C-alpha cells in the first residue's frame, strides 16, 4: 500500500509495508496478522468518543521517541511478565489536529494474554509509519504534546451535578493516585 491520505482531516501516513488498512470515523487501523497500529484523530474542539477506555495488565516503561514533523514524540511500552503488550505514543497536536496512537496485539477471546509479546521489528515499523505523518497542505506547524508523559488526569471521585451537566471537583493522577495539584506542581 502506498500513502494513506485522509482528505477530511488533511493528513497522510505512509505504511510502506504490507499492511491492511481499515478507515473508521476518527481513526485508522494499520493491520498485520495479530497486530495493529491504531491512529486516532480529531480536531481540538471536536467531541468524539474516547479512543481507548481501558488498558491491559502491565507497567509502562519509557521506550525512546519517534520524530514527527521534527518533534520527538515520547513512546512507552506496556510490560507484563517481561513481555511487551502495547506501545503507546504520547498524544500530540499539529495545528488544530490532535493525534492519538498505539501499537497493540489482537487478542481474540480465549487467547493467552501471557503469550503476547510485540516484537522489536513491529515496533520499529510502527515508529516508521508514525514518523511519516504529514499534513496534506504541506504546512509544518508546531507540534506539541498533549498531557505530561502519558499521565493523563482522569476525573474520579465526587461529582457535583448542575443543570448544564457534571462538574468535576476532584482529580487524581493515573500513575500515582494522588492529587495532581499538590503532587505535580506546574501542571
Protein backbone atom coordinates (compact mmCIF):
# COMPACT_ATOMS: atom_id res chain seq x y z
CA UNK A 1 0.00 0.00 0.00
CA UNK A 2 1.19 3.50 -0.75
CA UNK A 3 0.19 6.52 1.28
CA UNK A 4 -2.92 6.61 3.46
CA UNK A 5 -4.49 10.03 2.86
CA UNK A 6 -7.33 11.49 4.92
CA UNK A 7 -8.70 14.46 2.97
CA UNK A 8 -11.28 15.40 5.61
CA UNK A 9 -8.65 15.91 8.34
CA UNK A 10 -5.85 16.87 5.95
CA UNK A 11 -3.09 14.40 6.83
CA UNK A 12 -1.29 11.38 5.42
CA UNK A 13 0.75 8.42 6.65
CA UNK A 14 2.91 6.01 4.67
CA UNK A 15 2.75 2.42 5.89
CA UNK A 16 5.22 1.38 3.11
CA UNK A 17 4.81 -2.18 4.32
CA UNK A 18 2.35 -4.98 3.76
CA UNK A 19 -0.42 -3.59 5.95
CA UNK A 20 -4.17 -3.87 5.58
CA UNK A 21 -5.79 -0.50 6.21
CA UNK A 22 -9.19 -0.04 7.85
CA UNK A 23 -10.52 3.51 7.99
CA UNK A 24 -13.20 4.44 10.51
CA UNK A 25 -14.71 7.63 11.86
CA UNK A 26 -11.87 9.39 13.67
CA UNK A 27 -9.33 6.56 13.44
CA UNK A 28 -7.48 4.31 11.06
CA UNK A 29 -6.02 0.86 11.71
CA UNK A 30 -2.86 -0.40 10.01
CA UNK A 31 -3.09 -4.18 10.44
CA UNK A 32 -0.72 -7.11 10.15
CA UNK A 33 -1.69 -10.62 11.23
CA UNK A 34 -2.10 -10.49 15.01
CA UNK A 35 -1.20 -6.78 15.42
CA UNK A 36 -2.48 -3.31 14.61
CA UNK A 37 -1.33 0.30 14.79
CA UNK A 38 -4.27 2.49 15.77
CA UNK A 39 -4.09 6.19 14.85
CA UNK A 40 -6.96 8.25 16.24
CA UNK A 41 -7.52 11.84 15.14
CA UNK A 42 -9.84 14.71 15.92
CA UNK A 43 -9.97 18.48 15.79
CA UNK A 44 -9.02 20.14 19.08
CA UNK A 45 -12.61 21.38 19.58
CA UNK A 46 -14.30 18.20 18.29
CA UNK A 47 -16.24 15.96 20.67
CA UNK A 48 -15.67 12.28 19.91
CA UNK A 49 -15.98 9.06 21.88
CA UNK A 50 -12.78 8.12 23.76
CA UNK A 51 -10.29 6.26 21.57
CA UNK A 52 -9.42 3.88 24.39
CA UNK A 53 -11.37 3.10 27.53
CA UNK A 54 -9.02 0.72 29.32
CA UNK A 55 -5.54 -0.71 29.40
CA UNK A 56 -4.47 -4.33 29.82
CA UNK A 57 -2.32 -5.50 32.73
CA UNK A 58 1.28 -4.36 32.97
CA UNK A 59 3.57 -1.45 33.84
CA UNK A 60 4.60 1.34 31.47
CA UNK A 61 8.28 1.98 30.80
CA UNK A 62 9.80 4.78 28.73
CA UNK A 63 10.96 3.49 25.34
CA UNK A 64 12.50 6.36 23.41
CA UNK A 65 10.89 8.69 20.94
CA UNK A 66 9.74 8.90 17.33
CA UNK A 67 10.22 12.07 15.25
CA UNK A 68 7.01 13.58 13.85
CA UNK A 69 7.45 16.76 11.79
CA UNK A 70 10.75 17.38 13.57
CA UNK A 71 9.34 16.94 17.09
CA UNK A 72 10.34 13.99 19.27
CA UNK A 73 7.18 12.19 20.44
CA UNK A 74 7.80 10.01 23.53
CA UNK A 75 6.70 6.41 23.47
CA UNK A 76 6.18 3.90 26.23
CA UNK A 77 5.89 0.14 26.24
CA UNK A 78 3.49 -1.74 28.48
CA UNK A 79 5.41 -4.64 30.04
CA UNK A 80 3.76 -7.62 31.71
CA UNK A 81 5.73 -10.67 32.83
CA UNK A 82 8.72 -9.39 30.83
CA UNK A 83 6.83 -9.12 27.54
CA UNK A 84 5.77 -6.06 25.52
CA UNK A 85 1.96 -5.94 25.42
CA UNK A 86 1.42 -2.46 23.95
CA UNK A 87 3.37 0.53 22.59
CA UNK A 88 1.71 3.87 23.36
CA UNK A 89 2.78 7.16 21.79
CA UNK A 90 2.26 10.42 23.64
CA UNK A 91 -0.77 12.18 22.15
CA UNK A 92 0.19 15.27 20.18
CA UNK A 93 -1.35 18.19 18.34
CA UNK A 94 -0.39 19.59 14.93
CA UNK A 95 -2.14 22.88 14.28
CA UNK A 96 -5.71 22.11 15.38
CA UNK A 97 -5.45 18.36 14.70
CA UNK A 98 -4.93 16.00 17.65
CA UNK A 99 -3.35 12.56 17.15
CA UNK A 100 -3.55 9.52 19.46
CA UNK A 101 -1.65 6.34 18.52
CA UNK A 102 -0.68 2.93 19.84
CA UNK A 103 0.51 -0.44 18.64
CA UNK A 104 -1.38 -3.39 20.05
CA UNK A 105 -1.79 -7.12 19.62
CA UNK A 106 -5.11 -8.61 18.64
CA UNK A 107 -6.04 -11.00 21.41
CA UNK A 108 -9.08 -13.00 20.38
CA UNK A 109 -11.35 -14.21 23.15
CA UNK A 110 -9.88 -17.29 24.74
CA UNK A 111 -6.30 -16.46 23.73
CA UNK A 112 -3.49 -16.32 26.29
CA UNK A 113 -2.56 -12.71 27.14
CA UNK A 114 0.61 -14.02 28.77
CA UNK A 115 1.90 -15.17 25.38
CA UNK A 116 1.57 -11.75 23.70
CA UNK A 117 4.94 -10.13 23.02
CA UNK A 118 5.14 -7.39 20.37
CA UNK A 119 8.45 -7.93 18.54
CA UNK A 120 11.00 -5.12 18.13
CA UNK A 121 10.66 -5.31 14.34
CA UNK A 122 6.94 -4.49 14.52
CA UNK A 123 7.63 -1.67 16.99
CA UNK A 124 10.18 -0.23 14.55
CA UNK A 125 7.66 -0.43 11.70
CA UNK A 126 5.01 1.36 13.77
CA UNK A 127 7.55 4.09 14.64
CA UNK A 128 8.37 4.48 10.94
CA UNK A 129 4.71 4.76 9.97
CA UNK A 130 4.00 7.39 12.62
CA UNK A 131 7.18 9.22 11.59
CA UNK A 132 5.75 9.72 8.07
CA UNK A 133 2.85 11.81 9.42
CA UNK A 134 2.39 14.87 7.20
CA UNK A 135 -0.28 17.46 6.56
CA UNK A 136 -1.64 17.26 3.02
CA UNK A 137 -1.36 21.06 2.79
CA UNK A 138 2.42 20.68 3.03
CA UNK A 139 2.47 23.00 6.04
CA UNK A 140 4.64 22.13 9.04
CA UNK A 141 3.08 23.89 12.03
CA UNK A 142 4.42 23.45 15.53
CA UNK A 143 3.78 20.07 17.11
CA UNK A 144 3.14 19.91 20.82
CA UNK A 145 2.43 17.12 23.24
CA UNK A 146 -0.94 16.70 24.90
CA UNK A 147 -0.60 15.62 28.52
CA UNK A 148 2.52 15.00 30.55
CA UNK A 149 4.39 11.84 29.56
CA UNK A 150 1.13 9.92 29.14
CA UNK A 151 0.00 10.84 32.66
CA UNK A 152 -3.50 11.97 31.81
CA UNK A 153 -5.53 13.23 34.71
CA UNK A 154 -8.75 11.28 34.67
CA UNK A 155 -11.65 12.64 36.68
CA UNK A 156 -12.66 10.35 39.53
CA UNK A 157 -14.37 10.79 42.86
CA UNK A 158 -17.03 13.31 43.86
CA UNK A 159 -19.07 14.97 41.17
CA UNK A 160 -21.46 17.90 41.52
CA UNK A 161 -24.38 17.82 39.14
CA UNK A 162 -25.57 21.05 37.60
CA UNK A 163 -28.26 21.87 35.06
CA UNK A 164 -25.63 22.04 32.29
CA UNK A 165 -24.05 18.69 33.19
CA UNK A 166 -21.44 17.37 35.57
CA UNK A 167 -18.64 19.43 37.08
CA UNK A 168 -15.54 17.60 38.27
CA UNK A 169 -14.43 18.61 41.74
CA UNK A 170 -11.62 16.10 42.32
CA UNK A 171 -8.99 14.55 40.04
CA UNK A 172 -6.17 12.13 40.71
CA UNK A 173 -3.05 11.31 38.72
CA UNK A 174 -3.46 7.96 36.99
CA UNK A 175 0.05 6.77 37.82
CA UNK A 176 0.45 7.82 41.46
CA UNK A 177 -3.23 8.10 42.52
CA UNK A 178 -2.56 11.41 44.30
CA UNK A 179 -3.86 14.92 43.92
CA UNK A 180 -2.09 16.29 40.81
CA UNK A 181 -2.04 19.89 42.04
CA UNK A 182 -0.04 19.17 45.22
CA UNK A 183 1.99 16.22 43.86
CA UNK A 184 2.83 17.61 40.42
CA UNK A 185 3.25 21.40 40.73
CA UNK A 186 3.08 23.32 37.48
CA UNK A 187 0.66 21.01 35.71
